Amino acid sequence: MAGKDLNNDDEMYVTLTLEDDSDVECVVITIFEAGERDYIALLPTDDGSSDDGEVYLYRYDEDEEGNPSLSSIETDEEYEIVADRFDEWLDEQEYKEIVGDDED
């Protein structure tokens, strides 16, 4: 499922339970690969509970039946790799928007 770009037509939502036991509803931005693992980028939908542009990054796995699971990124080094790859993905999306899908 690496590199799955989600269009507005098929938005998916996830409800996260944070460390303080509060729930945050998020839209799935994308599922992408970094360092041989899959990760998911989530954007909170409630403007009041998040900082501007705050994105949550988690490890993303699916079991044999296709049921998704999220887990925390364990080290600062892993987080840097994932954040860098997500930034690259954002840059690619901006490029596609500027150039258009016809010129790929």
N, C-alpha and C. Protein backbone atom coordinates (compact mmCIF):
# COMPACT_ATOMS: atom_id res chain seq x y z
N MET A 1 0.82 -1.17 0.00
CA MET A 1 0.00 0.00 0.00
C MET A 1 0.87 1.25 0.00
N ALA A 2 2.16 1.09 -0.12
CA ALA A 2 3.08 2.23 -0.08
C ALA A 2 2.76 3.22 -1.19
N GLY A 3 2.84 4.50 -0.84
CA GLY A 3 2.65 5.54 -1.82
C GLY A 3 1.19 5.76 -2.22
N LYS A 4 0.27 5.32 -1.44
CA LYS A 4 -1.14 5.49 -1.78
C LYS A 4 -1.53 6.94 -1.60
N ASP A 5 -1.86 7.61 -2.69
CA ASP A 5 -2.34 8.98 -2.62
C ASP A 5 -3.85 8.94 -2.57
N LEU A 6 -4.41 9.71 -1.68
CA LEU A 6 -5.85 9.71 -1.49
C LEU A 6 -6.43 10.96 -2.11
N ASN A 7 -7.42 10.78 -2.97
CA ASN A 7 -8.12 11.90 -3.57
C ASN A 7 -9.23 12.35 -2.64
N ASN A 8 -9.73 13.55 -2.85
CA ASN A 8 -10.82 14.05 -2.02
C ASN A 8 -12.05 13.17 -2.09
N ASP A 9 -12.23 12.43 -3.20
CA ASP A 9 -13.39 11.59 -3.37
C ASP A 9 -13.40 10.40 -2.41
N ASP A 10 -12.20 9.98 -1.96
CA ASP A 10 -12.14 8.79 -1.11
C ASP A 10 -11.40 9.09 0.20
N GLU A 11 -11.75 10.23 0.82
CA GLU A 11 -11.13 10.59 2.09
C GLU A 11 -11.45 9.53 3.14
N MET A 12 -10.43 9.23 3.93
CA MET A 12 -10.60 8.30 5.04
C MET A 12 -10.29 9.05 6.33
N TYR A 13 -10.98 8.67 7.38
CA TYR A 13 -10.80 9.32 8.67
C TYR A 13 -10.37 8.30 9.70
N VAL A 14 -9.59 8.79 10.68
CA VAL A 14 -9.10 7.97 11.78
C VAL A 14 -9.32 8.77 13.05
N THR A 15 -9.77 8.10 14.10
CA THR A 15 -9.86 8.75 15.40
C THR A 15 -8.71 8.27 16.26
N LEU A 16 -7.85 9.21 16.66
CA LEU A 16 -6.70 8.89 17.50
C LEU A 16 -7.05 9.16 18.96
N THR A 17 -6.56 8.31 19.85
CA THR A 17 -6.64 8.57 21.27
C THR A 17 -5.25 8.98 21.71
N LEU A 18 -5.12 10.21 22.18
CA LEU A 18 -3.82 10.75 22.56
C LEU A 18 -3.44 10.31 23.98
N GLU A 19 -2.22 10.64 24.39
CA GLU A 19 -1.72 10.22 25.70
C GLU A 19 -2.58 10.73 26.85
N ASP A 20 -3.23 11.88 26.67
CA ASP A 20 -4.09 12.43 27.72
C ASP A 20 -5.53 11.90 27.65
N ASP A 21 -5.72 10.83 26.86
CA ASP A 21 -7.01 10.15 26.66
C ASP A 21 -8.02 10.99 25.89
N SER A 22 -7.60 12.09 25.29
CA SER A 22 -8.51 12.85 24.43
C SER A 22 -8.51 12.22 23.04
N ASP A 23 -9.64 12.35 22.35
CA ASP A 23 -9.77 11.81 20.99
C ASP A 23 -9.65 12.94 19.98
N VAL A 24 -8.96 12.67 18.90
CA VAL A 24 -8.80 13.63 17.82
C VAL A 24 -9.16 12.94 16.51
N GLU A 25 -10.13 13.51 15.79
CA GLU A 25 -10.49 12.97 14.48
C GLU A 25 -9.52 13.56 13.45
N CYS A 26 -8.98 12.68 12.60
CA CYS A 26 -8.00 13.10 11.59
C CYS A 26 -8.40 12.55 10.23
N VAL A 27 -8.04 13.31 9.20
CA VAL A 27 -8.19 12.82 7.84
C VAL A 27 -6.84 12.23 7.43
N VAL A 28 -6.89 11.12 6.70
CA VAL A 28 -5.68 10.49 6.21
C VAL A 28 -5.19 11.29 5.00
N ILE A 29 -3.97 11.81 5.09
CA ILE A 29 -3.39 12.56 3.99
C ILE A 29 -2.82 11.60 2.96
N THR A 30 -1.98 10.68 3.43
CA THR A 30 -1.37 9.70 2.54
C THR A 30 -0.75 8.58 3.36
N ILE A 31 -0.51 7.47 2.70
CA ILE A 31 0.26 6.36 3.24
C ILE A 31 1.47 6.26 2.33
N PHE A 32 2.66 6.24 2.92
CA PHE A 32 3.87 6.30 2.12
C PHE A 32 4.96 5.40 2.72
N GLU A 33 5.96 5.12 1.92
CA GLU A 33 7.06 4.28 2.37
C GLU A 33 8.28 5.14 2.68
N ALA A 34 8.95 4.79 3.75
CA ALA A 34 10.22 5.43 4.11
C ALA A 34 11.07 4.39 4.83
N GLY A 35 12.28 4.18 4.34
CA GLY A 35 13.17 3.23 5.00
C GLY A 35 12.61 1.82 5.11
N GLU A 36 11.94 1.35 4.07
CA GLU A 36 11.41 -0.01 3.98
C GLU A 36 10.23 -0.31 4.89
N ARG A 37 9.59 0.72 5.41
CA ARG A 37 8.36 0.56 6.20
C ARG A 37 7.31 1.48 5.63
N ASP A 38 6.06 1.19 5.94
CA ASP A 38 4.96 2.07 5.57
C ASP A 38 4.61 2.98 6.74
N TYR A 39 4.25 4.21 6.40
CA TYR A 39 3.86 5.21 7.39
C TYR A 39 2.59 5.90 6.91
N ILE A 40 1.91 6.55 7.84
CA ILE A 40 0.68 7.26 7.53
C ILE A 40 0.80 8.69 8.06
N ALA A 41 0.30 9.62 7.28
CA ALA A 41 0.26 11.03 7.67
C ALA A 41 -1.19 11.41 7.91
N LEU A 42 -1.46 11.97 9.08
CA LEU A 42 -2.82 12.32 9.50
C LEU A 42 -2.91 13.79 9.83
N LEU A 43 -3.99 14.43 9.39
CA LEU A 43 -4.22 15.85 9.66
C LEU A 43 -5.46 15.99 10.52
N PRO A 44 -5.33 16.56 11.72
CA PRO A 44 -6.51 16.76 12.58
C PRO A 44 -7.57 17.60 11.87
N THR A 45 -8.84 17.22 12.02
CA THR A 45 -9.93 17.94 11.36
C THR A 45 -10.48 19.05 12.23
N ASP A 46 -10.26 18.98 13.54
CA ASP A 46 -10.78 19.98 14.47
C ASP A 46 -9.73 21.08 14.65
N ASP A 47 -10.01 22.26 14.08
CA ASP A 47 -9.06 23.36 14.12
C ASP A 47 -8.71 23.79 15.55
N GLY A 48 -9.61 23.62 16.46
CA GLY A 48 -9.36 24.06 17.82
C GLY A 48 -8.38 23.20 18.59
N SER A 49 -8.17 21.96 18.20
CA SER A 49 -7.31 21.06 18.97
C SER A 49 -5.92 20.93 18.41
N SER A 50 -5.61 21.60 17.32
CA SER A 50 -4.29 21.43 16.72
C SER A 50 -3.67 22.76 16.35
N ASP A 51 -2.36 22.75 16.27
CA ASP A 51 -1.63 23.92 15.79
C ASP A 51 -1.79 23.98 14.28
N ASP A 52 -1.54 25.16 13.70
CA ASP A 52 -1.63 25.30 12.25
C ASP A 52 -0.72 24.32 11.55
N GLY A 53 -1.29 23.52 10.69
CA GLY A 53 -0.49 22.61 9.87
C GLY A 53 0.08 21.41 10.60
N GLU A 54 -0.34 21.15 11.82
CA GLU A 54 0.18 20.01 12.56
C GLU A 54 -0.26 18.71 11.89
N VAL A 55 0.71 17.85 11.63
CA VAL A 55 0.45 16.56 11.00
C VAL A 55 1.01 15.48 11.92
N TYR A 56 0.23 14.41 12.12
CA TYR A 56 0.68 13.28 12.91
C TYR A 56 1.25 12.22 11.97
N LEU A 57 2.42 11.70 12.30
CA LEU A 57 3.06 10.63 11.53
C LEU A 57 3.15 9.39 12.40
N TYR A 58 2.69 8.25 11.84
CA TYR A 58 2.73 6.97 12.55
C TYR A 58 3.20 5.86 11.61
N ARG A 59 3.72 4.79 12.21
CA ARG A 59 3.96 3.57 11.44
C ARG A 59 2.59 3.02 11.04
N TYR A 60 2.55 2.42 9.85
CA TYR A 60 1.29 1.87 9.33
C TYR A 60 1.53 0.42 8.93
N ASP A 61 0.71 -0.48 9.43
CA ASP A 61 0.79 -1.90 9.07
C ASP A 61 -0.61 -2.42 8.80
N GLU A 62 -0.67 -3.49 8.04
CA GLU A 62 -1.93 -4.21 7.83
C GLU A 62 -1.69 -5.68 8.14
N ASP A 63 -2.68 -6.33 8.78
CA ASP A 63 -2.56 -7.76 9.03
C ASP A 63 -2.95 -8.54 7.77
N GLU A 64 -2.96 -9.86 7.88
CA GLU A 64 -3.26 -10.72 6.72
C GLU A 64 -4.63 -10.46 6.14
N GLU A 65 -5.56 -9.98 6.96
CA GLU A 65 -6.93 -9.71 6.51
C GLU A 65 -7.11 -8.27 6.03
N GLY A 66 -6.03 -7.48 6.02
CA GLY A 66 -6.10 -6.10 5.55
C GLY A 66 -6.56 -5.09 6.59
N ASN A 67 -6.61 -5.51 7.86
CA ASN A 67 -7.00 -4.59 8.93
C ASN A 67 -5.81 -3.71 9.29
N PRO A 68 -5.98 -2.39 9.25
CA PRO A 68 -4.86 -1.49 9.53
C PRO A 68 -4.56 -1.38 11.01
N SER A 69 -3.29 -1.06 11.31
CA SER A 69 -2.90 -0.73 12.68
C SER A 69 -1.83 0.35 12.63
N LEU A 70 -1.86 1.21 13.62
CA LEU A 70 -0.90 2.30 13.73
C LEU A 70 -0.05 2.08 14.96
N SER A 71 1.22 2.45 14.87
CA SER A 71 2.09 2.41 16.04
C SER A 71 3.02 3.61 16.00
N SER A 72 3.49 3.97 17.17
CA SER A 72 4.34 5.15 17.29
C SER A 72 5.70 4.94 16.65
N ILE A 73 6.26 6.01 16.15
CA ILE A 73 7.63 6.01 15.66
C ILE A 73 8.52 6.02 16.90
N GLU A 74 9.49 5.11 16.94
CA GLU A 74 10.18 4.84 18.20
C GLU A 74 11.39 5.71 18.50
N THR A 75 12.08 6.21 17.48
CA THR A 75 13.30 6.96 17.75
C THR A 75 13.29 8.30 17.00
N ASP A 76 14.11 9.22 17.47
CA ASP A 76 14.24 10.51 16.79
C ASP A 76 14.81 10.31 15.39
N GLU A 77 15.73 9.36 15.26
CA GLU A 77 16.34 9.08 13.95
C GLU A 77 15.29 8.59 12.96
N GLU A 78 14.45 7.67 13.38
CA GLU A 78 13.37 7.17 12.53
C GLU A 78 12.42 8.30 12.17
N TYR A 79 12.09 9.14 13.16
CA TYR A 79 11.18 10.25 12.90
C TYR A 79 11.75 11.19 11.84
N GLU A 80 13.04 11.49 11.92
CA GLU A 80 13.68 12.38 10.95
C GLU A 80 13.58 11.80 9.54
N ILE A 81 13.81 10.51 9.40
CA ILE A 81 13.71 9.85 8.09
C ILE A 81 12.29 9.97 7.55
N VAL A 82 11.32 9.70 8.40
CA VAL A 82 9.91 9.73 8.00
C VAL A 82 9.48 11.16 7.67
N ALA A 83 9.86 12.12 8.51
CA ALA A 83 9.48 13.52 8.27
C ALA A 83 10.11 14.03 6.97
N ASP A 84 11.36 13.66 6.71
CA ASP A 84 12.01 14.07 5.46
C ASP A 84 11.28 13.50 4.25
N ARG A 85 10.89 12.23 4.33
CA ARG A 85 10.18 11.59 3.21
C ARG A 85 8.81 12.23 3.01
N PHE A 86 8.13 12.55 4.11
CA PHE A 86 6.83 13.21 3.99
C PHE A 86 6.99 14.59 3.35
N ASP A 87 8.03 15.33 3.73
CA ASP A 87 8.30 16.63 3.11
C ASP A 87 8.54 16.49 1.61
N GLU A 88 9.27 15.44 1.22
CA GLU A 88 9.48 15.17 -0.21
C GLU A 88 8.15 14.90 -0.90
N TRP A 89 7.29 14.12 -0.26
CA TRP A 89 5.97 13.82 -0.83
C TRP A 89 5.19 15.12 -1.03
N LEU A 90 5.22 16.01 -0.02
CA LEU A 90 4.52 17.29 -0.15
C LEU A 90 5.06 18.09 -1.33
N ASP A 91 6.38 18.11 -1.48
CA ASP A 91 6.99 18.82 -2.61
C ASP A 91 6.53 18.23 -3.94
N GLU A 92 6.43 16.89 -4.01
CA GLU A 92 5.96 16.23 -5.24
C GLU A 92 4.53 16.64 -5.55
N GLN A 93 3.69 16.75 -4.52
CA GLN A 93 2.30 17.13 -4.73
C GLN A 93 2.20 18.56 -5.23
N GLU A 94 3.02 19.45 -4.68
CA GLU A 94 3.04 20.84 -5.14
C GLU A 94 3.50 20.91 -6.58
N TYR A 95 4.51 20.11 -6.96
CA TYR A 95 5.00 20.10 -8.33
C TYR A 95 3.90 19.63 -9.28
N LYS A 96 3.20 18.56 -8.89
CA LYS A 96 2.12 18.05 -9.75
C LYS A 96 1.03 19.10 -9.91
N GLU A 97 0.77 19.86 -8.86
CA GLU A 97 -0.27 20.89 -8.92
C GLU A 97 0.15 22.03 -9.85
N ILE A 98 1.43 22.39 -9.81
CA ILE A 98 1.94 23.47 -10.64
C ILE A 98 2.01 23.03 -12.10
N VAL A 99 2.62 21.86 -12.34
CA VAL A 99 2.85 21.38 -13.70
C VAL A 99 1.59 20.76 -14.30
N GLY A 100 0.82 20.11 -13.47
CA GLY A 100 -0.37 19.41 -13.96
C GLY A 100 -0.05 17.96 -14.20
N ASP A 101 -1.04 17.12 -14.07
CA ASP A 101 -0.87 15.68 -14.23
C ASP A 101 -0.52 15.30 -15.67
N ASP A 102 -0.86 16.13 -16.65
CA ASP A 102 -0.62 15.80 -18.05
C ASP A 102 0.86 15.81 -18.42
N GLU A 103 1.69 16.52 -17.66
CA GLU A 103 3.09 16.68 -18.03
C GLU A 103 4.03 15.77 -17.29
N ASP A 104 3.54 14.76 -16.57
CA ASP A 104 4.40 13.82 -15.85
C ASP A 104 5.19 12.93 -16.77
